[in-house]
């Protein structure tokens, strides 16, 4: 027994998306990953036989537990669509030469400049600073360098790898959706 053979069984208990995912054209490719997640949700060994047996023994409980996975998949799709929409909006603003398209760059320059200026002042101004003002400068200093880190992450850091990950997830999600629609249309 392999993971793709579970597709029909899951579709029969009312989980067509998971059934199509395992039984569809991508079943052999993603079956092991998705199957292990299904096995974990059901609390059984990560084998197709154990999952099949758990579903056969108590279809209602399996349906309830696996419906949560299906709902989470739909929430993740909506989240990825929202991120893609935000990126498309940013690109469209820059291409339209809108002043709001350049706002993130301007803010990044201002934050970096303010952090450098405050660092310079704290290290090279030799006057005594009252304790109240020193505490305020200390908090501002930490907040500015945190904002610099966020700016670096936005422009050069995780946003690039996140964008690549989002594209891969969107392609995977589109393939799963297409497989599910194809399966439903065949009925």
N, C-alpha and C. Protein backbone atom coordinates (compact mmCIF):
# COMPACT_ATOMS: atom_id res chain seq x y z
N UNK A 1 0.85 -1.18 0.00
CA UNK A 1 0.00 0.00 0.00
C UNK A 1 0.89 1.24 0.00
N UNK A 2 0.53 2.23 -0.81
CA UNK A 2 1.28 3.48 -0.82
C UNK A 2 0.32 4.63 -0.47
N UNK A 3 0.89 5.84 -0.31
CA UNK A 3 0.11 6.98 0.12
C UNK A 3 -0.99 7.35 -0.88
N UNK A 4 -0.74 7.17 -2.16
CA UNK A 4 -1.74 7.57 -3.15
C UNK A 4 -3.01 6.72 -3.06
N UNK A 5 -2.91 5.53 -2.52
CA UNK A 5 -4.09 4.67 -2.40
C UNK A 5 -5.06 5.15 -1.31
N UNK A 6 -4.63 6.07 -0.46
CA UNK A 6 -5.51 6.60 0.59
C UNK A 6 -6.43 7.69 0.07
N UNK A 7 -6.16 8.20 -1.13
CA UNK A 7 -6.95 9.31 -1.67
C UNK A 7 -8.44 9.03 -1.70
N UNK A 8 -8.83 7.89 -2.23
CA UNK A 8 -10.24 7.53 -2.32
C UNK A 8 -10.89 7.39 -0.95
N UNK A 9 -10.16 6.80 -0.02
CA UNK A 9 -10.69 6.60 1.32
C UNK A 9 -10.96 7.93 2.01
N UNK A 10 -10.05 8.89 1.86
CA UNK A 10 -10.25 10.20 2.47
C UNK A 10 -11.37 10.97 1.78
N UNK A 11 -11.48 10.83 0.48
CA UNK A 11 -12.56 11.49 -0.25
C UNK A 11 -13.92 10.94 0.18
N UNK A 12 -13.99 9.65 0.49
CA UNK A 12 -15.25 9.02 0.89
C UNK A 12 -15.75 9.53 2.24
N UNK A 13 -14.83 9.92 3.13
CA UNK A 13 -15.28 10.41 4.44
C UNK A 13 -15.50 11.92 4.43
N UNK A 14 -15.48 12.53 3.25
CA UNK A 14 -15.82 13.95 3.15
C UNK A 14 -14.64 14.90 3.14
N UNK A 15 -13.47 14.42 2.78
CA UNK A 15 -12.28 15.26 2.71
C UNK A 15 -11.70 15.21 1.30
N UNK A 16 -12.40 15.81 0.33
CA UNK A 16 -11.97 15.70 -1.06
C UNK A 16 -10.61 16.36 -1.34
N UNK A 17 -10.32 17.45 -0.65
CA UNK A 17 -9.05 18.13 -0.92
C UNK A 17 -7.86 17.26 -0.51
N UNK A 18 -7.94 16.66 0.69
CA UNK A 18 -6.85 15.77 1.13
C UNK A 18 -6.82 14.51 0.28
N UNK A 19 -8.00 14.01 -0.06
CA UNK A 19 -8.07 12.82 -0.91
C UNK A 19 -7.45 13.06 -2.26
N UNK A 20 -7.75 14.21 -2.84
CA UNK A 20 -7.19 14.55 -4.15
C UNK A 20 -5.69 14.79 -4.05
N UNK A 21 -5.27 15.39 -2.94
CA UNK A 21 -3.85 15.64 -2.75
C UNK A 21 -3.06 14.34 -2.73
N UNK A 22 -3.57 13.34 -2.04
CA UNK A 22 -2.87 12.06 -1.96
C UNK A 22 -3.11 11.19 -3.20
N UNK A 23 -4.34 11.22 -3.72
CA UNK A 23 -4.69 10.33 -4.82
C UNK A 23 -4.47 10.93 -6.19
N UNK A 24 -4.22 12.24 -6.25
CA UNK A 24 -4.08 12.92 -7.54
C UNK A 24 -2.71 12.75 -8.15
N UNK A 25 -2.42 13.55 -9.17
CA UNK A 25 -1.16 13.41 -9.88
C UNK A 25 0.07 13.72 -9.01
N UNK A 26 -0.12 14.48 -7.95
CA UNK A 26 1.00 14.79 -7.07
C UNK A 26 1.10 13.83 -5.90
N UNK A 27 0.21 12.87 -5.82
CA UNK A 27 0.15 11.97 -4.67
C UNK A 27 1.46 11.27 -4.37
N UNK A 28 2.11 10.76 -5.39
CA UNK A 28 3.38 10.08 -5.16
C UNK A 28 4.48 11.02 -4.71
N UNK A 29 4.42 12.26 -5.18
CA UNK A 29 5.47 13.22 -4.85
C UNK A 29 5.32 13.76 -3.44
N UNK A 30 4.11 14.18 -3.08
CA UNK A 30 3.91 14.82 -1.79
C UNK A 30 3.27 13.90 -0.76
N UNK A 31 2.93 12.71 -1.18
CA UNK A 31 2.22 11.80 -0.29
C UNK A 31 2.93 11.52 1.01
N UNK A 32 4.23 11.33 0.96
CA UNK A 32 4.96 11.01 2.19
C UNK A 32 4.89 12.17 3.18
N UNK A 33 5.06 13.38 2.70
CA UNK A 33 5.04 14.55 3.59
C UNK A 33 3.64 14.75 4.16
N UNK A 34 2.65 14.80 3.27
CA UNK A 34 1.27 15.01 3.71
C UNK A 34 0.79 13.82 4.53
N UNK A 35 1.14 12.63 4.10
CA UNK A 35 0.74 11.43 4.83
C UNK A 35 1.27 11.41 6.25
N UNK A 36 2.50 11.85 6.44
CA UNK A 36 3.05 11.90 7.79
C UNK A 36 2.30 12.91 8.65
N UNK A 37 1.89 14.02 8.06
CA UNK A 37 1.09 15.00 8.79
C UNK A 37 -0.27 14.44 9.17
N UNK A 38 -0.87 13.71 8.24
CA UNK A 38 -2.16 13.07 8.51
C UNK A 38 -2.00 12.03 9.62
N UNK A 39 -0.93 11.25 9.54
CA UNK A 39 -0.68 10.23 10.56
C UNK A 39 -0.49 10.87 11.93
N UNK A 40 0.24 11.98 11.97
CA UNK A 40 0.45 12.67 13.25
C UNK A 40 -0.88 13.18 13.81
N UNK A 41 -1.73 13.71 12.94
CA UNK A 41 -3.03 14.23 13.39
C UNK A 41 -3.91 13.11 13.94
N UNK A 42 -3.80 11.93 13.34
CA UNK A 42 -4.59 10.79 13.80
C UNK A 42 -3.94 10.05 14.96
N UNK A 43 -2.68 10.35 15.23
CA UNK A 43 -1.98 9.70 16.34
C UNK A 43 -1.58 8.28 16.04
N UNK A 44 -1.23 8.00 14.78
CA UNK A 44 -0.83 6.65 14.39
C UNK A 44 0.56 6.70 13.77
N UNK A 45 1.10 5.51 13.49
CA UNK A 45 2.42 5.43 12.85
C UNK A 45 2.35 6.07 11.46
N UNK A 46 3.44 6.67 11.00
CA UNK A 46 3.42 7.35 9.70
C UNK A 46 3.55 6.38 8.52
N UNK A 47 2.61 5.47 8.43
CA UNK A 47 2.58 4.53 7.31
C UNK A 47 1.19 4.58 6.68
N UNK A 48 1.09 4.31 5.38
CA UNK A 48 -0.23 4.32 4.75
C UNK A 48 -1.19 3.30 5.38
N UNK A 49 -0.66 2.15 5.78
CA UNK A 49 -1.49 1.12 6.37
C UNK A 49 -2.11 1.59 7.69
N UNK A 50 -1.29 2.21 8.54
CA UNK A 50 -1.79 2.67 9.84
C UNK A 50 -2.84 3.76 9.67
N UNK A 51 -2.62 4.67 8.72
CA UNK A 51 -3.59 5.73 8.48
C UNK A 51 -4.88 5.14 7.94
N UNK A 52 -4.78 4.21 7.00
CA UNK A 52 -5.96 3.57 6.43
C UNK A 52 -6.76 2.85 7.50
N UNK A 53 -6.08 2.16 8.38
CA UNK A 53 -6.74 1.43 9.44
C UNK A 53 -7.43 2.38 10.42
N UNK A 54 -6.76 3.49 10.76
CA UNK A 54 -7.36 4.47 11.68
C UNK A 54 -8.61 5.10 11.08
N UNK A 55 -8.56 5.40 9.79
CA UNK A 55 -9.72 5.98 9.11
C UNK A 55 -10.86 4.96 9.05
N UNK A 56 -10.54 3.71 8.75
CA UNK A 56 -11.56 2.67 8.66
C UNK A 56 -12.21 2.39 10.01
N UNK A 57 -11.42 2.45 11.10
CA UNK A 57 -11.95 2.13 12.42
C UNK A 57 -12.91 3.20 12.93
N UNK A 58 -12.57 4.47 12.70
CA UNK A 58 -13.43 5.55 13.20
C UNK A 58 -13.45 6.69 12.18
N UNK A 59 -14.26 6.55 11.14
CA UNK A 59 -14.28 7.56 10.08
C UNK A 59 -14.70 8.95 10.58
N UNK A 60 -15.62 9.01 11.53
CA UNK A 60 -16.11 10.30 12.02
C UNK A 60 -14.99 11.07 12.74
N UNK A 61 -14.25 10.37 13.60
CA UNK A 61 -13.14 11.02 14.32
C UNK A 61 -12.05 11.44 13.34
N UNK A 62 -11.75 10.58 12.38
CA UNK A 62 -10.73 10.90 11.38
C UNK A 62 -11.16 12.11 10.58
N UNK A 63 -12.44 12.15 10.21
CA UNK A 63 -12.94 13.29 9.44
C UNK A 63 -12.79 14.58 10.23
N UNK A 64 -13.12 14.56 11.50
CA UNK A 64 -13.01 15.75 12.35
C UNK A 64 -11.56 16.23 12.44
N UNK A 65 -10.66 15.31 12.73
CA UNK A 65 -9.26 15.67 12.88
C UNK A 65 -8.66 16.16 11.57
N UNK A 66 -8.99 15.49 10.48
CA UNK A 66 -8.40 15.85 9.19
C UNK A 66 -9.06 17.08 8.59
N UNK A 67 -10.28 17.38 8.99
CA UNK A 67 -10.93 18.62 8.54
C UNK A 67 -10.18 19.82 9.07
N UNK A 68 -9.58 19.69 10.24
CA UNK A 68 -8.76 20.77 10.79
C UNK A 68 -7.54 21.02 9.90
N UNK A 69 -6.94 19.95 9.41
CA UNK A 69 -5.79 20.10 8.50
C UNK A 69 -6.23 20.79 7.22
N UNK A 70 -7.38 20.39 6.70
CA UNK A 70 -7.89 20.98 5.47
C UNK A 70 -8.18 22.47 5.69
N UNK A 71 -8.77 22.81 6.84
CA UNK A 71 -9.06 24.22 7.15
C UNK A 71 -7.78 25.02 7.29
N UNK A 72 -6.78 24.43 7.93
CA UNK A 72 -5.49 25.14 8.07
C UNK A 72 -4.84 25.36 6.71
N UNK A 73 -4.97 24.39 5.81
CA UNK A 73 -4.43 24.54 4.46
C UNK A 73 -5.11 25.71 3.75
N UNK A 74 -6.41 25.82 3.92
CA UNK A 74 -7.14 26.94 3.30
C UNK A 74 -6.72 28.28 3.90
N UNK A 75 -6.51 28.31 5.22
CA UNK A 75 -6.05 29.56 5.87
C UNK A 75 -4.66 29.93 5.36
N UNK A 76 -3.79 28.93 5.20
CA UNK A 76 -2.44 29.19 4.69
C UNK A 76 -2.50 29.72 3.26
N UNK A 77 -3.38 29.18 2.44
CA UNK A 77 -3.55 29.68 1.07
C UNK A 77 -3.98 31.14 1.08
N UNK A 78 -4.93 31.48 1.96
CA UNK A 78 -5.40 32.87 2.04
C UNK A 78 -4.26 33.79 2.50
N UNK A 79 -3.46 33.32 3.45
CA UNK A 79 -2.32 34.11 3.94
C UNK A 79 -1.31 34.36 2.82
N UNK A 80 -0.99 33.31 2.07
CA UNK A 80 -0.04 33.46 0.96
C UNK A 80 -0.58 34.38 -0.12
N UNK A 81 -1.88 34.30 -0.38
CA UNK A 81 -2.49 35.19 -1.37
C UNK A 81 -2.42 36.64 -0.90
N UNK A 82 -2.59 36.87 0.40
CA UNK A 82 -2.50 38.22 0.95
C UNK A 82 -1.09 38.77 0.81
N UNK A 83 -0.08 37.95 1.09
CA UNK A 83 1.31 38.39 0.95
C UNK A 83 1.63 38.69 -0.51
N UNK A 84 1.18 37.83 -1.41
CA UNK A 84 1.42 38.07 -2.84
C UNK A 84 0.74 39.35 -3.29
N UNK A 85 -0.44 39.62 -2.78
CA UNK A 85 -1.16 40.84 -3.14
C UNK A 85 -0.39 42.07 -2.65
N UNK A 86 0.14 42.02 -1.44
CA UNK A 86 0.91 43.15 -0.91
C UNK A 86 2.16 43.40 -1.74
N UNK A 87 2.84 42.35 -2.14
CA UNK A 87 4.04 42.51 -2.97
C UNK A 87 3.69 43.08 -4.33
N UNK A 88 2.58 42.60 -4.93
CA UNK A 88 2.16 43.11 -6.23
C UNK A 88 1.80 44.59 -6.13
N UNK A 89 1.16 44.98 -5.02
CA UNK A 89 0.80 46.37 -4.83
C UNK A 89 2.06 47.24 -4.74
N UNK A 90 3.07 46.79 -3.99
CA UNK A 90 4.31 47.54 -3.85
C UNK A 90 5.00 47.70 -5.20
N UNK A 91 5.06 46.63 -5.97
CA UNK A 91 5.70 46.69 -7.29
C UNK A 91 4.93 47.64 -8.20
N UNK A 92 3.60 47.58 -8.16
CA UNK A 92 2.78 48.45 -9.00
C UNK A 92 2.98 49.92 -8.64
N UNK A 93 3.10 50.22 -7.35
CA UNK A 93 3.34 51.61 -6.93
C UNK A 93 4.69 52.12 -7.41
N UNK A 94 5.70 51.28 -7.33
CA UNK A 94 7.04 51.69 -7.79
C UNK A 94 7.02 51.89 -9.31
N UNK A 95 6.38 50.98 -10.04
CA UNK A 95 6.33 51.10 -11.49
C UNK A 95 5.52 52.31 -11.93
N UNK A 96 4.54 52.72 -11.14
CA UNK A 96 3.73 53.89 -11.47
C UNK A 96 4.40 55.19 -11.01
N UNK A 97 5.59 55.08 -10.45
CA UNK A 97 6.34 56.23 -9.94
C UNK A 97 5.54 57.02 -8.90
N UNK A 98 4.80 56.31 -8.08
CA UNK A 98 4.03 56.93 -7.01
C UNK A 98 4.95 57.24 -5.85
N UNK A 99 4.69 58.36 -5.18
CA UNK A 99 5.52 58.72 -4.03
C UNK A 99 5.37 57.70 -2.91
N UNK A 100 4.22 57.03 -2.81
CA UNK A 100 4.04 56.03 -1.77
C UNK A 100 4.85 54.77 -2.05
N UNK A 101 5.23 54.57 -3.30
CA UNK A 101 6.07 53.42 -3.63
C UNK A 101 7.48 53.57 -3.11
N UNK A 102 7.93 54.81 -2.95
CA UNK A 102 9.29 55.04 -2.46
C UNK A 102 9.34 55.27 -0.95
N UNK A 103 8.19 55.30 -0.29
CA UNK A 103 8.16 55.56 1.15
C UNK A 103 8.99 54.57 1.96
N UNK A 104 8.93 53.25 1.70
CA UNK A 104 9.77 52.35 2.50
C UNK A 104 11.27 52.66 2.39
N UNK A 105 11.73 53.03 1.19
CA UNK A 105 13.14 53.37 1.02
C UNK A 105 13.49 54.65 1.78
N UNK A 106 12.62 55.63 1.68
CA UNK A 106 12.88 56.90 2.38
C UNK A 106 12.91 56.68 3.88
N UNK A 107 11.95 55.93 4.40
CA UNK A 107 11.94 55.66 5.84
C UNK A 107 13.17 54.88 6.29
N UNK A 108 13.61 53.95 5.47
CA UNK A 108 14.82 53.19 5.81
C UNK A 108 16.03 54.11 5.90
N UNK A 109 16.17 55.01 4.93
CA UNK A 109 17.28 55.97 4.97
C UNK A 109 17.21 56.86 6.20
N UNK A 110 16.02 57.34 6.54
CA UNK A 110 15.87 58.20 7.71
C UNK A 110 16.22 57.47 9.00
N UNK A 111 15.78 56.22 9.13
CA UNK A 111 16.06 55.45 10.34
C UNK A 111 17.55 55.16 10.47
N UNK A 112 18.19 54.76 9.37
CA UNK A 112 19.63 54.49 9.41
C UNK A 112 20.39 55.78 9.73
N UNK A 113 20.00 56.88 9.12
CA UNK A 113 20.66 58.16 9.41
C UNK A 113 20.50 58.58 10.86
N UNK A 114 19.30 58.43 11.40
CA UNK A 114 19.06 58.79 12.79
C UNK A 114 19.85 57.89 13.73
N UNK A 115 19.95 56.60 13.43
CA UNK A 115 20.71 55.68 14.28
C UNK A 115 22.19 56.03 14.28
N UNK A 116 22.71 56.35 13.11
CA UNK A 116 24.13 56.74 13.02
C UNK A 116 24.37 58.05 13.74
N UNK A 117 23.48 59.02 13.56
CA UNK A 117 23.63 60.32 14.24
C UNK A 117 23.56 60.16 15.76
N UNK A 118 22.63 59.36 16.26
CA UNK A 118 22.52 59.16 17.70
C UNK A 118 23.74 58.41 18.24
N UNK A 119 24.24 57.45 17.50
CA UNK A 119 25.46 56.74 17.91
C UNK A 119 26.62 57.72 18.01
N UNK A 120 26.77 58.56 17.00
CA UNK A 120 27.84 59.57 17.00
C UNK A 120 27.71 60.47 18.23
N UNK A 121 26.50 60.96 18.51
CA UNK A 121 26.29 61.86 19.64
C UNK A 121 26.61 61.17 20.97
N UNK A 122 26.18 59.94 21.12
CA UNK A 122 26.41 59.25 22.39
C UNK A 122 27.89 58.95 22.63
N UNK A 123 28.64 58.70 21.57
CA UNK A 123 30.06 58.37 21.74
C UNK A 123 30.97 59.60 21.79
N UNK A 124 30.59 60.65 21.09
CA UNK A 124 31.53 61.75 20.94
C UNK A 124 31.14 63.05 21.63
N UNK A 125 29.93 63.17 22.13
CA UNK A 125 29.55 64.36 22.89
C UNK A 125 30.00 64.12 24.32
N UNK A 126 30.84 65.01 24.81
CA UNK A 126 31.46 64.75 26.12
C UNK A 126 30.78 65.47 27.27
N UNK A 127 29.65 66.07 27.06
CA UNK A 127 28.95 66.76 28.15
C UNK A 127 28.18 65.76 29.00
N UNK A 128 27.98 66.13 30.25
CA UNK A 128 27.21 65.31 31.17
C UNK A 128 25.74 65.37 30.78
N UNK A 129 25.12 64.18 30.66
CA UNK A 129 23.71 64.10 30.26
C UNK A 129 22.90 63.76 31.50
N UNK A 130 21.83 64.53 31.78
CA UNK A 130 20.98 64.19 32.94
C UNK A 130 20.42 62.78 32.81
N UNK A 131 20.20 62.15 33.95
CA UNK A 131 19.79 60.74 33.95
C UNK A 131 18.47 60.51 33.21
N UNK A 132 17.49 61.40 33.38
CA UNK A 132 16.20 61.24 32.68
C UNK A 132 16.39 61.25 31.17
N UNK A 133 17.19 62.16 30.69
CA UNK A 133 17.42 62.27 29.25
C UNK A 133 18.27 61.10 28.76
N UNK A 134 19.23 60.68 29.59
CA UNK A 134 20.04 59.52 29.20
C UNK A 134 19.17 58.28 29.04
N UNK A 135 18.22 58.05 29.96
CA UNK A 135 17.32 56.90 29.84
C UNK A 135 16.48 56.98 28.57
N UNK A 136 16.01 58.17 28.26
CA UNK A 136 15.23 58.36 27.04
C UNK A 136 16.09 58.11 25.80
N UNK A 137 17.32 58.61 25.79
CA UNK A 137 18.23 58.37 24.66
C UNK A 137 18.58 56.89 24.54
N UNK A 138 18.74 56.23 25.67
CA UNK A 138 19.06 54.81 25.68
C UNK A 138 17.93 54.00 25.03
N UNK A 139 16.68 54.30 25.38
CA UNK A 139 15.55 53.61 24.77
C UNK A 139 15.45 53.92 23.28
N UNK A 140 15.67 55.18 22.94
CA UNK A 140 15.62 55.57 21.53
C UNK A 140 16.71 54.87 20.73
N UNK A 141 17.88 54.76 21.32
CA UNK A 141 19.00 54.10 20.66
C UNK A 141 18.67 52.64 20.34
N UNK A 142 18.12 51.93 21.32
CA UNK A 142 17.74 50.54 21.10
C UNK A 142 16.65 50.40 20.05
N UNK A 143 15.65 51.29 20.11
CA UNK A 143 14.55 51.23 19.14
C UNK A 143 15.04 51.54 17.73
N UNK A 144 15.94 52.50 17.60
CA UNK A 144 16.45 52.85 16.27
C UNK A 144 17.24 51.69 15.65
N UNK A 145 18.08 51.06 16.44
CA UNK A 145 18.86 49.96 15.87
C UNK A 145 18.00 48.73 15.60
N UNK A 146 16.92 48.56 16.35
CA UNK A 146 15.95 47.51 16.02
C UNK A 146 15.30 47.82 14.67
N UNK A 147 14.94 49.09 14.47
CA UNK A 147 14.33 49.49 13.20
C UNK A 147 15.32 49.34 12.04
N UNK A 148 16.60 49.59 12.30
CA UNK A 148 17.61 49.37 11.25
C UNK A 148 17.64 47.89 10.86
N UNK A 149 17.60 47.03 11.87
CA UNK A 149 17.57 45.59 11.59
C UNK A 149 16.36 45.19 10.77
N UNK A 150 15.21 45.77 11.08
CA UNK A 150 14.00 45.47 10.31
C UNK A 150 14.13 45.97 8.87
N UNK A 151 14.75 47.13 8.71
CA UNK A 151 14.97 47.66 7.36
C UNK A 151 15.90 46.77 6.55
N UNK A 152 16.96 46.31 7.17
CA UNK A 152 17.88 45.40 6.49
C UNK A 152 17.16 44.11 6.11
N UNK A 153 16.35 43.61 7.03
CA UNK A 153 15.61 42.39 6.75
C UNK A 153 14.61 42.60 5.61
N UNK A 154 13.97 43.77 5.58
CA UNK A 154 12.99 44.06 4.52
C UNK A 154 13.66 44.11 3.16
N UNK A 155 14.81 44.77 3.07
CA UNK A 155 15.43 44.98 1.77
C UNK A 155 16.33 43.84 1.33
N UNK A 156 17.10 43.26 2.24
CA UNK A 156 18.10 42.27 1.82
C UNK A 156 17.96 40.92 2.51
N UNK A 157 17.19 40.85 3.55
CA UNK A 157 17.18 39.64 4.37
C UNK A 157 16.12 38.66 4.00
N UNK A 158 15.31 38.34 4.97
CA UNK A 158 14.38 37.23 4.83
C UNK A 158 13.29 37.49 3.80
N UNK A 159 13.05 38.73 3.43
CA UNK A 159 11.96 38.97 2.49
C UNK A 159 12.25 38.33 1.13
N UNK A 160 13.51 38.28 0.73
CA UNK A 160 13.84 37.66 -0.56
C UNK A 160 13.61 36.15 -0.50
N UNK A 161 14.11 35.50 0.55
CA UNK A 161 13.89 34.06 0.66
C UNK A 161 12.43 33.76 0.95
N UNK A 162 11.79 34.66 1.69
CA UNK A 162 10.36 34.49 1.95
C UNK A 162 9.57 34.58 0.65
N UNK A 163 9.97 35.49 -0.22
CA UNK A 163 9.28 35.62 -1.51
C UNK A 163 9.45 34.34 -2.33
N UNK A 164 10.65 33.78 -2.33
CA UNK A 164 10.87 32.53 -3.06
C UNK A 164 10.04 31.40 -2.46
N UNK A 165 10.00 31.34 -1.14
CA UNK A 165 9.21 30.31 -0.47
C UNK A 165 7.73 30.49 -0.78
N UNK A 166 7.27 31.74 -0.77
CA UNK A 166 5.86 32.01 -1.07
C UNK A 166 5.52 31.60 -2.50
N UNK A 167 6.43 31.84 -3.44
CA UNK A 167 6.18 31.45 -4.83
C UNK A 167 6.08 29.93 -4.94
N UNK A 168 6.96 29.22 -4.26
CA UNK A 168 6.92 27.77 -4.30
C UNK A 168 5.64 27.25 -3.66
N UNK A 169 5.25 27.84 -2.54
CA UNK A 169 4.02 27.41 -1.87
C UNK A 169 2.80 27.71 -2.73
N UNK A 170 2.81 28.86 -3.39
CA UNK A 170 1.68 29.20 -4.27
C UNK A 170 1.60 28.25 -5.45
N UNK A 171 2.74 27.86 -6.01
CA UNK A 171 2.73 26.90 -7.11
C UNK A 171 2.21 25.55 -6.64
N UNK A 172 2.63 25.13 -5.46
CA UNK A 172 2.17 23.86 -4.89
C UNK A 172 0.66 23.93 -4.63
N UNK A 173 0.22 25.04 -4.04
CA UNK A 173 -1.20 25.21 -3.75
C UNK A 173 -2.03 25.22 -5.02
N UNK A 174 -1.54 25.89 -6.06
CA UNK A 174 -2.26 25.92 -7.34
C UNK A 174 -2.35 24.52 -7.94
N UNK A 175 -1.28 23.74 -7.83
CA UNK A 175 -1.31 22.38 -8.36
C UNK A 175 -2.31 21.52 -7.60
N UNK A 176 -2.36 21.68 -6.28
CA UNK A 176 -3.31 20.92 -5.47
C UNK A 176 -4.74 21.33 -5.82
N UNK A 177 -4.97 22.63 -5.94
CA UNK A 177 -6.31 23.13 -6.28
C UNK A 177 -6.74 22.62 -7.64
N UNK A 178 -5.85 22.68 -8.62
CA UNK A 178 -6.16 22.19 -9.96
C UNK A 178 -6.47 20.70 -9.94
N UNK A 179 -5.70 19.94 -9.16
CA UNK A 179 -5.95 18.50 -9.06
C UNK A 179 -7.30 18.23 -8.41
N UNK A 180 -7.65 19.02 -7.39
CA UNK A 180 -8.94 18.84 -6.72
C UNK A 180 -10.09 19.18 -7.67
N UNK A 181 -9.95 20.28 -8.40
CA UNK A 181 -11.00 20.67 -9.35
C UNK A 181 -11.15 19.64 -10.45
N UNK A 182 -10.04 19.12 -10.93
CA UNK A 182 -10.10 18.08 -11.97
C UNK A 182 -10.82 16.85 -11.45
N UNK A 183 -10.53 16.47 -10.23
CA UNK A 183 -11.17 15.30 -9.62
C UNK A 183 -12.66 15.53 -9.44
N UNK A 184 -13.04 16.72 -9.01
CA UNK A 184 -14.45 17.03 -8.80
C UNK A 184 -15.19 17.08 -10.12
N UNK A 185 -14.57 17.65 -11.15
CA UNK A 185 -15.21 17.75 -12.46
C UNK A 185 -15.39 16.39 -13.11
N UNK A 186 -14.57 15.41 -12.76
CA UNK A 186 -14.70 14.07 -13.35
C UNK A 186 -15.90 13.34 -12.78
N UNK A 187 -16.38 13.77 -11.63
CA UNK A 187 -17.50 13.08 -10.98
C UNK A 187 -18.75 13.40 -11.65
